[in-house]
Structure formats: structure tokens, C-alpha cells
């Protein structure tokens, strides 16, 4: 479904910006950073 793919892509964009913010000024805790890494690989 293309519409669902667009939603997922938008969410990936949001997460990418959140990850970028973490690199600039860390805000994720260890568990969250590990989880986000796994989510990126799985996606």
C-alpha cells in the first residue's frame, strides 16, 4: 500500500531528525538509543 508506505517514510524522517538531535545534544537514554538502532535496521 503506497499510502501506508508514505506514512512510514514520514515517520522515518521524524525519527531521523530525532536521532540527529541526539547526536547534537544527547537526550536518548541507553535503552532508547539501542531500541532506535534496532528499529532503523528492522525498517
ModelCIF file with pLDDT and N, C-alpha, C, O atoms, coordinates in Angstrom:
data_MODEL
#
_entry.id   MODEL 
#
_entity.id                         1 
_entity.type                       polymer 
_entity.pdbx_number_of_molecules   1 
#
_entity_poly.entity_id                      1 
_entity_poly.type                           'polypeptide(L)' 
_entity_poly.nstd_linkage                   no 
_entity_poly.nstd_monomer                   no 
_entity_poly.pdbx_seq_one_letter_code       
;(UNK)(UNK)(UNK)(UNK)(UNK)(UNK)(UNK)(UNK)(UNK)(UNK)(UNK)(UNK)(UNK)(UNK)(UNK)(UNK)
(UNK)(UNK)(UNK)(UNK)(UNK)(UNK)(UNK)(UNK)(UNK)(UNK)(UNK)(UNK)(UNK)(UNK)(UNK)(UNK)
(UNK)(UNK)(UNK)(UNK)(UNK)(UNK)(UNK)(UNK)(UNK)(UNK)(UNK)
;
_entity_poly.pdbx_seq_one_letter_code_can   XXXXXXXXXXXXXXXXXXXXXXXXXXXXXXXXXXXXXXXXXXX 
_entity_poly.pdbx_strand_id                 A 
#
loop_
_entity_poly_seq.entity_id 
_entity_poly_seq.num 
_entity_poly_seq.mon_id 
_entity_poly_seq.hetero 
1 1  UNK n 
1 2  UNK n 
1 3  UNK n 
1 4  UNK n 
1 5  UNK n 
1 6  UNK n 
1 7  UNK n 
1 8  UNK n 
1 9  UNK n 
1 10 UNK n 
1 11 UNK n 
1 12 UNK n 
1 13 UNK n 
1 14 UNK n 
1 15 UNK n 
1 16 UNK n 
1 17 UNK n 
1 18 UNK n 
1 19 UNK n 
1 20 UNK n 
1 21 UNK n 
1 22 UNK n 
1 23 UNK n 
1 24 UNK n 
1 25 UNK n 
1 26 UNK n 
1 27 UNK n 
1 28 UNK n 
1 29 UNK n 
1 30 UNK n 
1 31 UNK n 
1 32 UNK n 
1 33 UNK n 
1 34 UNK n 
1 35 UNK n 
1 36 UNK n 
1 37 UNK n 
1 38 UNK n 
1 39 UNK n 
1 40 UNK n 
1 41 UNK n 
1 42 UNK n 
1 43 UNK n 
#
_struct_asym.id          A 
_struct_asym.entity_id   1 
#
loop_
_ma_qa_metric.id 
_ma_qa_metric.mode 
_ma_qa_metric.name 
_ma_qa_metric.software_group_id 
_ma_qa_metric.type 
1 global pLDDT . pLDDT 
2 local  pLDDT . pLDDT 
#
_ma_qa_metric_global.metric_id      1 
_ma_qa_metric_global.metric_value   94.12 
_ma_qa_metric_global.model_id       1 
_ma_qa_metric_global.ordinal_id     1 
#
loop_
_ma_qa_metric_local.label_asym_id 
_ma_qa_metric_local.label_comp_id 
_ma_qa_metric_local.label_seq_id 
_ma_qa_metric_local.metric_id 
_ma_qa_metric_local.metric_value 
_ma_qa_metric_local.model_id 
_ma_qa_metric_local.ordinal_id 
A UNK 1  2 83.00 1 1  
A UNK 2  2 81.00 1 2  
A UNK 3  2 81.00 1 3  
A UNK 4  2 86.00 1 4  
A UNK 5  2 87.00 1 5  
A UNK 6  2 86.00 1 6  
A UNK 7  2 87.00 1 7  
A UNK 8  2 91.00 1 8  
A UNK 9  2 91.00 1 9  
A UNK 10 2 91.00 1 10 
A UNK 11 2 94.00 1 11 
A UNK 12 2 96.00 1 12 
A UNK 13 2 94.00 1 13 
A UNK 14 2 95.00 1 14 
A UNK 15 2 97.00 1 15 
A UNK 16 2 97.00 1 16 
A UNK 17 2 97.00 1 17 
A UNK 18 2 97.00 1 18 
A UNK 19 2 98.00 1 19 
A UNK 20 2 97.00 1 20 
A UNK 21 2 96.00 1 21 
A UNK 22 2 97.00 1 22 
A UNK 23 2 97.00 1 23 
A UNK 24 2 95.00 1 24 
A UNK 25 2 94.00 1 25 
A UNK 26 2 96.00 1 26 
A UNK 27 2 96.00 1 27 
A UNK 28 2 96.00 1 28 
A UNK 29 2 95.00 1 29 
A UNK 30 2 95.00 1 30 
A UNK 31 2 95.00 1 31 
A UNK 32 2 96.00 1 32 
A UNK 33 2 97.00 1 33 
A UNK 34 2 96.00 1 34 
A UNK 35 2 97.00 1 35 
A UNK 36 2 98.00 1 36 
A UNK 37 2 98.00 1 37 
A UNK 38 2 97.00 1 38 
A UNK 39 2 98.00 1 39 
A UNK 40 2 98.00 1 40 
A UNK 41 2 98.00 1 41 
A UNK 42 2 98.00 1 42 
A UNK 43 2 98.00 1 43 
#
loop_
_atom_site.group_PDB 
_atom_site.id 
_atom_site.type_symbol 
_atom_site.label_atom_id 
_atom_site.label_alt_id 
_atom_site.label_comp_id 
_atom_site.label_asym_id 
_atom_site.label_entity_id 
_atom_site.label_seq_id 
_atom_site.pdbx_PDB_ins_code 
_atom_site.Cartn_x 
_atom_site.Cartn_y 
_atom_site.Cartn_z 
_atom_site.occupancy 
_atom_site.B_iso_or_equiv 
_atom_site.pdbx_formal_charge 
_atom_site.auth_seq_id 
_atom_site.auth_comp_id 
_atom_site.auth_asym_id 
_atom_site.auth_atom_id 
_atom_site.pdbx_PDB_model_num 
ATOM 1   N N  . UNK A 1 1  ? 0.839  -1.195 0.000  1.00 83.00 ? 1  UNK A N  1 
ATOM 2   C CA . UNK A 1 1  ? 0.000  0.000  0.000  1.00 83.00 ? 1  UNK A CA 1 
ATOM 3   C C  . UNK A 1 1  ? 0.880  1.254  0.000  1.00 83.00 ? 1  UNK A C  1 
ATOM 4   O O  . UNK A 1 1  ? 1.630  1.501  0.944  1.00 83.00 ? 1  UNK A O  1 
ATOM 5   N N  . UNK A 1 2  ? 0.773  2.042  -1.082 1.00 81.00 ? 2  UNK A N  1 
ATOM 6   C CA . UNK A 1 2  ? 1.613  3.227  -1.209 1.00 81.00 ? 2  UNK A CA 1 
ATOM 7   C C  . UNK A 1 2  ? 1.334  4.267  -0.134 1.00 81.00 ? 2  UNK A C  1 
ATOM 8   O O  . UNK A 1 2  ? 2.258  4.916  0.356  1.00 81.00 ? 2  UNK A O  1 
ATOM 9   N N  . UNK A 1 3  ? 0.067  4.430  0.238  1.00 81.00 ? 3  UNK A N  1 
ATOM 10  C CA . UNK A 1 3  ? -0.273 5.428  1.254  1.00 81.00 ? 3  UNK A CA 1 
ATOM 11  C C  . UNK A 1 3  ? 0.354  5.085  2.604  1.00 81.00 ? 3  UNK A C  1 
ATOM 12  O O  . UNK A 1 3  ? 0.854  5.964  3.306  1.00 81.00 ? 3  UNK A O  1 
ATOM 13  N N  . UNK A 1 4  ? 0.324  3.804  2.959  1.00 86.00 ? 4  UNK A N  1 
ATOM 14  C CA . UNK A 1 4  ? 0.955  3.379  4.210  1.00 86.00 ? 4  UNK A CA 1 
ATOM 15  C C  . UNK A 1 4  ? 2.465  3.549  4.128  1.00 86.00 ? 4  UNK A C  1 
ATOM 16  O O  . UNK A 1 4  ? 3.112  3.886  5.120  1.00 86.00 ? 4  UNK A O  1 
ATOM 17  N N  . UNK A 1 5  ? 3.023  3.316  2.946  1.00 87.00 ? 5  UNK A N  1 
ATOM 18  C CA . UNK A 1 5  ? 4.469  3.493  2.767  1.00 87.00 ? 5  UNK A CA 1 
ATOM 19  C C  . UNK A 1 5  ? 4.868  4.949  2.972  1.00 87.00 ? 5  UNK A C  1 
ATOM 20  O O  . UNK A 1 5  ? 5.920  5.234  3.546  1.00 87.00 ? 5  UNK A O  1 
ATOM 21  N N  . UNK A 1 6  ? 4.030  5.870  2.504  1.00 86.00 ? 6  UNK A N  1 
ATOM 22  C CA . UNK A 1 6  ? 4.306  7.287  2.688  1.00 86.00 ? 6  UNK A CA 1 
ATOM 23  C C  . UNK A 1 6  ? 4.263  7.663  4.165  1.00 86.00 ? 6  UNK A C  1 
ATOM 24  O O  . UNK A 1 6  ? 5.073  8.464  4.633  1.00 86.00 ? 6  UNK A O  1 
ATOM 25  N N  . UNK A 1 7  ? 3.311  7.079  4.899  1.00 87.00 ? 7  UNK A N  1 
ATOM 26  C CA . UNK A 1 7  ? 3.241  7.331  6.338  1.00 87.00 ? 7  UNK A CA 1 
ATOM 27  C C  . UNK A 1 7  ? 4.503  6.827  7.032  1.00 87.00 ? 7  UNK A C  1 
ATOM 28  O O  . UNK A 1 7  ? 5.077  7.509  7.882  1.00 87.00 ? 7  UNK A O  1 
ATOM 29  N N  . UNK A 1 8  ? 4.923  5.622  6.655  1.00 91.00 ? 8  UNK A N  1 
ATOM 30  C CA . UNK A 1 8  ? 6.135  5.063  7.263  1.00 91.00 ? 8  UNK A CA 1 
ATOM 31  C C  . UNK A 1 8  ? 7.350  5.930  6.944  1.00 91.00 ? 8  UNK A C  1 
ATOM 32  O O  . UNK A 1 8  ? 8.207  6.157  7.798  1.00 91.00 ? 8  UNK A O  1 
ATOM 33  N N  . UNK A 1 9  ? 7.410  6.407  5.713  1.00 91.00 ? 9  UNK A N  1 
ATOM 34  C CA . UNK A 1 9  ? 8.537  7.239  5.319  1.00 91.00 ? 9  UNK A CA 1 
ATOM 35  C C  . UNK A 1 9  ? 8.559  8.544  6.102  1.00 91.00 ? 9  UNK A C  1 
ATOM 36  O O  . UNK A 1 9  ? 9.623  9.026  6.490  1.00 91.00 ? 9  UNK A O  1 
ATOM 37  N N  . UNK A 1 10 ? 7.385  9.110  6.330  1.00 91.00 ? 10 UNK A N  1 
ATOM 38  C CA . UNK A 1 10 ? 7.304  10.336 7.129  1.00 91.00 ? 10 UNK A CA 1 
ATOM 39  C C  . UNK A 1 10 ? 7.760  10.072 8.559  1.00 91.00 ? 10 UNK A C  1 
ATOM 40  O O  . UNK A 1 10 ? 8.458  10.895 9.152  1.00 91.00 ? 10 UNK A O  1 
ATOM 41  N N  . UNK A 1 11 ? 7.371  8.932  9.112  1.00 94.00 ? 11 UNK A N  1 
ATOM 42  C CA . UNK A 1 11 ? 7.812  8.565  10.457 1.00 94.00 ? 11 UNK A CA 1 
ATOM 43  C C  . UNK A 1 11 ? 9.333  8.353  10.475 1.00 94.00 ? 11 UNK A C  1 
ATOM 44  O O  . UNK A 1 11 ? 10.004 8.744  11.430 1.00 94.00 ? 11 UNK A O  1 
ATOM 45  N N  . UNK A 1 12 ? 9.871  7.732  9.418  1.00 96.00 ? 12 UNK A N  1 
ATOM 46  C CA . UNK A 1 12 ? 11.326 7.546  9.327  1.00 96.00 ? 12 UNK A CA 1 
ATOM 47  C C  . UNK A 1 12 ? 12.032 8.895  9.307  1.00 96.00 ? 12 UNK A C  1 
ATOM 48  O O  . UNK A 1 12 ? 13.093 9.057  9.910  1.00 96.00 ? 12 UNK A O  1 
ATOM 49  N N  . UNK A 1 13 ? 11.440 9.861  8.613  1.00 94.00 ? 13 UNK A N  1 
ATOM 50  C CA . UNK A 1 13 ? 12.005 11.210 8.585  1.00 94.00 ? 13 UNK A CA 1 
ATOM 51  C C  . UNK A 1 13 ? 12.013 11.819 9.992  1.00 94.00 ? 13 UNK A C  1 
ATOM 52  O O  . UNK A 1 13 ? 13.009 12.405 10.415 1.00 94.00 ? 13 UNK A O  1 
ATOM 53  N N  . UNK A 1 14 ? 10.899 11.675 10.706 1.00 95.00 ? 14 UNK A N  1 
ATOM 54  C CA . UNK A 1 14 ? 10.804 12.203 12.072 1.00 95.00 ? 14 UNK A CA 1 
ATOM 55  C C  . UNK A 1 14 ? 11.860 11.560 12.965 1.00 95.00 ? 14 UNK A C  1 
ATOM 56  O O  . UNK A 1 14 ? 12.545 12.252 13.718 1.00 95.00 ? 14 UNK A O  1 
ATOM 57  N N  . UNK A 1 15 ? 11.992 10.244 12.882 1.00 97.00 ? 15 UNK A N  1 
ATOM 58  C CA . UNK A 1 15 ? 12.970 9.541  13.706 1.00 97.00 ? 15 UNK A CA 1 
ATOM 59  C C  . UNK A 1 15 ? 14.394 9.928  13.326 1.00 97.00 ? 15 UNK A C  1 
ATOM 60  O O  . UNK A 1 15 ? 15.264 10.023 14.192 1.00 97.00 ? 15 UNK A O  1 
ATOM 61  N N  . UNK A 1 16 ? 14.637 10.151 12.036 1.00 97.00 ? 16 UNK A N  1 
ATOM 62  C CA . UNK A 1 16 ? 15.976 10.565 11.601 1.00 97.00 ? 16 UNK A CA 1 
ATOM 63  C C  . UNK A 1 16 ? 16.345 11.907 12.216 1.00 97.00 ? 16 UNK A C  1 
ATOM 64  O O  . UNK A 1 16 ? 17.484 12.109 12.638 1.00 97.00 ? 16 UNK A O  1 
ATOM 65  N N  . UNK A 1 17 ? 15.380 12.827 12.265 1.00 97.00 ? 17 UNK A N  1 
ATOM 66  C CA . UNK A 1 17 ? 15.645 14.134 12.868 1.00 97.00 ? 17 UNK A CA 1 
ATOM 67  C C  . UNK A 1 17 ? 15.833 14.014 14.380 1.00 97.00 ? 17 UNK A C  1 
ATOM 68  O O  . UNK A 1 17 ? 16.657 14.717 14.965 1.00 97.00 ? 17 UNK A O  1 
ATOM 69  N N  . UNK A 1 18 ? 15.064 13.119 15.013 1.00 97.00 ? 18 UNK A N  1 
ATOM 70  C CA . UNK A 1 18 ? 15.248 12.890 16.446 1.00 97.00 ? 18 UNK A CA 1 
ATOM 71  C C  . UNK A 1 18 ? 16.644 12.316 16.720 1.00 97.00 ? 18 UNK A C  1 
ATOM 72  O O  . UNK A 1 18 ? 17.300 12.692 17.691 1.00 97.00 ? 18 UNK A O  1 
ATOM 73  N N  . UNK A 1 19 ? 17.083 11.406 15.854 1.00 98.00 ? 19 UNK A N  1 
ATOM 74  C CA . UNK A 1 19 ? 18.419 10.822 16.006 1.00 98.00 ? 19 UNK A CA 1 
ATOM 75  C C  . UNK A 1 19 ? 19.490 11.879 15.807 1.00 98.00 ? 19 UNK A C  1 
ATOM 76  O O  . UNK A 1 19 ? 20.494 11.895 16.520 1.00 98.00 ? 19 UNK A O  1 
ATOM 77  N N  . UNK A 1 20 ? 19.281 12.757 14.847 1.00 97.00 ? 20 UNK A N  1 
ATOM 78  C CA . UNK A 1 20 ? 20.235 13.839 14.602 1.00 97.00 ? 20 UNK A CA 1 
ATOM 79  C C  . UNK A 1 20 ? 20.336 14.759 15.817 1.00 97.00 ? 20 UNK A C  1 
ATOM 80  O O  . UNK A 1 20 ? 21.430 15.178 16.196 1.00 97.00 ? 20 UNK A O  1 
ATOM 81  N N  . UNK A 1 21 ? 19.197 15.069 16.422 1.00 96.00 ? 21 UNK A N  1 
ATOM 82  C CA . UNK A 1 21 ? 19.201 15.902 17.623 1.00 96.00 ? 21 UNK A CA 1 
ATOM 83  C C  . UNK A 1 21 ? 19.962 15.228 18.760 1.00 96.00 ? 21 UNK A C  1 
ATOM 84  O O  . UNK A 1 21 ? 20.652 15.892 19.532 1.00 96.00 ? 21 UNK A O  1 
ATOM 85  N N  . UNK A 1 22 ? 19.832 13.904 18.859 1.00 97.00 ? 22 UNK A N  1 
ATOM 86  C CA . UNK A 1 22 ? 20.549 13.165 19.902 1.00 97.00 ? 22 UNK A CA 1 
ATOM 87  C C  . UNK A 1 22 ? 22.056 13.270 19.696 1.00 97.00 ? 22 UNK A C  1 
ATOM 88  O O  . UNK A 1 22 ? 22.817 13.358 20.660 1.00 97.00 ? 22 UNK A O  1 
ATOM 89  N N  . UNK A 1 23 ? 22.484 13.260 18.425 1.00 97.00 ? 23 UNK A N  1 
ATOM 90  C CA . UNK A 1 23 ? 23.913 13.386 18.135 1.00 97.00 ? 23 UNK A CA 1 
ATOM 91  C C  . UNK A 1 23 ? 24.417 14.779 18.483 1.00 97.00 ? 23 UNK A C  1 
ATOM 92  O O  . UNK A 1 23 ? 25.570 14.948 18.880 1.00 97.00 ? 23 UNK A O  1 
ATOM 93  N N  . UNK A 1 24 ? 23.551 15.773 18.332 1.00 95.00 ? 24 UNK A N  1 
ATOM 94  C CA . UNK A 1 24 ? 23.947 17.160 18.600 1.00 95.00 ? 24 UNK A CA 1 
ATOM 95  C C  . UNK A 1 24 ? 23.914 17.481 20.085 1.00 95.00 ? 24 UNK A C  1 
ATOM 96  O O  . UNK A 1 24 ? 24.808 18.153 20.597 1.00 95.00 ? 24 UNK A O  1 
ATOM 97  N N  . UNK A 1 25 ? 22.893 17.007 20.772 1.00 94.00 ? 25 UNK A N  1 
ATOM 98  C CA . UNK A 1 25 ? 22.758 17.219 22.217 1.00 94.00 ? 25 UNK A CA 1 
ATOM 99  C C  . UNK A 1 25 ? 22.009 16.016 22.795 1.00 94.00 ? 25 UNK A C  1 
ATOM 100 O O  . UNK A 1 25 ? 20.778 15.986 22.785 1.00 94.00 ? 25 UNK A O  1 
ATOM 101 N N  . UNK A 1 26 ? 22.749 15.030 23.295 1.00 96.00 ? 26 UNK A N  1 
ATOM 102 C CA . UNK A 1 26 ? 22.163 13.745 23.690 1.00 96.00 ? 26 UNK A CA 1 
ATOM 103 C C  . UNK A 1 26 ? 20.943 13.885 24.597 1.00 96.00 ? 26 UNK A C  1 
ATOM 104 O O  . UNK A 1 26 ? 20.962 14.608 25.593 1.00 96.00 ? 26 UNK A O  1 
ATOM 105 N N  . UNK A 1 27 ? 19.877 13.168 24.220 1.00 96.00 ? 27 UNK A N  1 
ATOM 106 C CA . UNK A 1 27 ? 18.658 13.181 25.030 1.00 96.00 ? 27 UNK A CA 1 
ATOM 107 C C  . UNK A 1 27 ? 18.093 11.775 25.212 1.00 96.00 ? 27 UNK A C  1 
ATOM 108 O O  . UNK A 1 27 ? 17.313 11.541 26.136 1.00 96.00 ? 27 UNK A O  1 
ATOM 109 N N  . UNK A 1 28 ? 18.474 10.832 24.343 1.00 96.00 ? 28 UNK A N  1 
ATOM 110 C CA . UNK A 1 28 ? 18.017 9.452  24.492 1.00 96.00 ? 28 UNK A CA 1 
ATOM 111 C C  . UNK A 1 28 ? 18.790 8.766  25.621 1.00 96.00 ? 28 UNK A C  1 
ATOM 112 O O  . UNK A 1 28 ? 19.988 8.993  25.787 1.00 96.00 ? 28 UNK A O  1 
ATOM 113 N N  . UNK A 1 29 ? 18.096 7.925  26.392 1.00 95.00 ? 29 UNK A N  1 
ATOM 114 C CA . UNK A 1 29 ? 18.829 7.105  27.348 1.00 95.00 ? 29 UNK A CA 1 
ATOM 115 C C  . UNK A 1 29 ? 19.368 5.864  26.628 1.00 95.00 ? 29 UNK A C  1 
ATOM 116 O O  . UNK A 1 29 ? 19.090 5.665  25.445 1.00 95.00 ? 29 UNK A O  1 
ATOM 117 N N  . UNK A 1 30 ? 20.120 5.048  27.322 1.00 95.00 ? 30 UNK A N  1 
ATOM 118 C CA . UNK A 1 30 ? 20.767 3.895  26.699 1.00 95.00 ? 30 UNK A CA 1 
ATOM 119 C C  . UNK A 1 30 ? 19.759 2.951  26.053 1.00 95.00 ? 30 UNK A C  1 
ATOM 120 O O  . UNK A 1 30 ? 19.960 2.497  24.926 1.00 95.00 ? 30 UNK A O  1 
ATOM 121 N N  . UNK A 1 31 ? 18.677 2.657  26.766 1.00 95.00 ? 31 UNK A N  1 
ATOM 122 C CA . UNK A 1 31 ? 17.670 1.731  26.248 1.00 95.00 ? 31 UNK A CA 1 
ATOM 123 C C  . UNK A 1 31 ? 17.002 2.293  24.995 1.00 95.00 ? 31 UNK A C  1 
ATOM 124 O O  . UNK A 1 31 ? 16.761 1.560  24.034 1.00 95.00 ? 31 UNK A O  1 
ATOM 125 N N  . UNK A 1 32 ? 16.703 3.588  25.005 1.00 96.00 ? 32 UNK A N  1 
ATOM 126 C CA . UNK A 1 32 ? 16.045 4.208  23.857 1.00 96.00 ? 32 UNK A CA 1 
ATOM 127 C C  . UNK A 1 32 ? 16.958 4.244  22.637 1.00 96.00 ? 32 UNK A C  1 
ATOM 128 O O  . UNK A 1 32 ? 16.521 3.963  21.521 1.00 96.00 ? 32 UNK A O  1 
ATOM 129 N N  . UNK A 1 33 ? 18.221 4.588  22.848 1.00 97.00 ? 33 UNK A N  1 
ATOM 130 C CA . UNK A 1 33 ? 19.172 4.645  21.738 1.00 97.00 ? 33 UNK A CA 1 
ATOM 131 C C  . UNK A 1 33 ? 19.368 3.265  21.124 1.00 97.00 ? 33 UNK A C  1 
ATOM 132 O O  . UNK A 1 33 ? 19.452 3.129  19.903 1.00 97.00 ? 33 UNK A O  1 
ATOM 133 N N  . UNK A 1 34 ? 19.439 2.249  21.970 1.00 96.00 ? 34 UNK A N  1 
ATOM 134 C CA . UNK A 1 34 ? 19.564 0.878  21.476 1.00 96.00 ? 34 UNK A CA 1 
ATOM 135 C C  . UNK A 1 34 ? 18.326 0.477  20.690 1.00 96.00 ? 34 UNK A C  1 
ATOM 136 O O  . UNK A 1 34 ? 18.427 -0.133 19.625 1.00 96.00 ? 34 UNK A O  1 
ATOM 137 N N  . UNK A 1 35 ? 17.158 0.822  21.220 1.00 97.00 ? 35 UNK A N  1 
ATOM 138 C CA . UNK A 1 35 ? 15.903 0.485  20.564 1.00 97.00 ? 35 UNK A CA 1 
ATOM 139 C C  . UNK A 1 35 ? 15.781 1.197  19.221 1.00 97.00 ? 35 UNK A C  1 
ATOM 140 O O  . UNK A 1 35 ? 15.345 0.586  18.245 1.00 97.00 ? 35 UNK A O  1 
ATOM 141 N N  . UNK A 1 36 ? 16.150 2.457  19.150 1.00 98.00 ? 36 UNK A N  1 
ATOM 142 C CA . UNK A 1 36 ? 16.074 3.197  17.892 1.00 98.00 ? 36 UNK A CA 1 
ATOM 143 C C  . UNK A 1 36 ? 17.016 2.595  16.853 1.00 98.00 ? 36 UNK A C  1 
ATOM 144 O O  . UNK A 1 36 ? 16.684 2.546  15.669 1.00 98.00 ? 36 UNK A O  1 
ATOM 145 N N  . UNK A 1 37 ? 18.172 2.145  17.283 1.00 98.00 ? 37 UNK A N  1 
ATOM 146 C CA . UNK A 1 37 ? 19.098 1.483  16.369 1.00 98.00 ? 37 UNK A CA 1 
ATOM 147 C C  . UNK A 1 37 ? 18.475 0.227  15.776 1.00 98.00 ? 37 UNK A C  1 
ATOM 148 O O  . UNK A 1 37 ? 18.591 -0.031 14.577 1.00 98.00 ? 37 UNK A O  1 
ATOM 149 N N  . UNK A 1 38 ? 17.815 -0.548 16.623 1.00 97.00 ? 38 UNK A N  1 
ATOM 150 C CA . UNK A 1 38 ? 17.159 -1.774 16.152 1.00 97.00 ? 38 UNK A CA 1 
ATOM 151 C C  . UNK A 1 38 ? 16.003 -1.451 15.215 1.00 97.00 ? 38 UNK A C  1 
ATOM 152 O O  . UNK A 1 38 ? 15.798 -2.144 14.218 1.00 97.00 ? 38 UNK A O  1 
ATOM 153 N N  . UNK A 1 39 ? 15.256 -0.413 15.526 1.00 98.00 ? 39 UNK A N  1 
ATOM 154 C CA . UNK A 1 39 ? 14.137 -0.019 14.673 1.00 98.00 ? 39 UNK A CA 1 
ATOM 155 C C  . UNK A 1 39 ? 14.622 0.386  13.284 1.00 98.00 ? 39 UNK A C  1 
ATOM 156 O O  . UNK A 1 39 ? 14.008 0.028  12.279 1.00 98.00 ? 39 UNK A O  1 
ATOM 157 N N  . UNK A 1 40 ? 15.721 1.132  13.229 1.00 98.00 ? 40 UNK A N  1 
ATOM 158 C CA . UNK A 1 40 ? 16.265 1.569  11.942 1.00 98.00 ? 40 UNK A CA 1 
ATOM 159 C C  . UNK A 1 40 ? 16.694 0.379  11.096 1.00 98.00 ? 40 UNK A C  1 
ATOM 160 O O  . UNK A 1 40 ? 16.411 0.330  9.899  1.00 98.00 ? 40 UNK A O  1 
ATOM 161 N N  . UNK A 1 41 ? 17.367 -0.569 11.708 1.00 98.00 ? 41 UNK A N  1 
ATOM 162 C CA . UNK A 1 41 ? 17.812 -1.764 10.987 1.00 98.00 ? 41 UNK A CA 1 
ATOM 163 C C  . UNK A 1 41 ? 16.627 -2.592 10.505 1.00 98.00 ? 41 UNK A C  1 
ATOM 164 O O  . UNK A 1 41 ? 16.603 -3.047 9.361  1.00 98.00 ? 41 UNK A O  1 
ATOM 165 N N  . UNK A 1 42 ? 15.650 -2.782 11.376 1.00 98.00 ? 42 UNK A N  1 
ATOM 166 C CA . UNK A 1 42 ? 14.481 -3.581 11.013 1.00 98.00 ? 42 UNK A CA 1 
ATOM 167 C C  . UNK A 1 42 ? 13.668 -2.919 9.904  1.00 98.00 ? 42 UNK A C  1 
ATOM 168 O O  . UNK A 1 42 ? 13.174 -3.592 8.998  1.00 98.00 ? 42 UNK A O  1 
ATOM 169 N N  . UNK A 1 43 ? 13.532 -1.593 9.984  1.00 98.00 ? 43 UNK A N  1 
ATOM 170 C CA . UNK A 1 43 ? 12.750 -0.893 8.958  1.00 98.00 ? 43 UNK A CA 1 
ATOM 171 C C  . UNK A 1 43 ? 13.401 -1.025 7.586  1.00 98.00 ? 43 UNK A C  1 
ATOM 172 O O  . UNK A 1 43 ? 12.880 -0.498 6.603  1.00 98.00 ? 43 UNK A O  1 
#
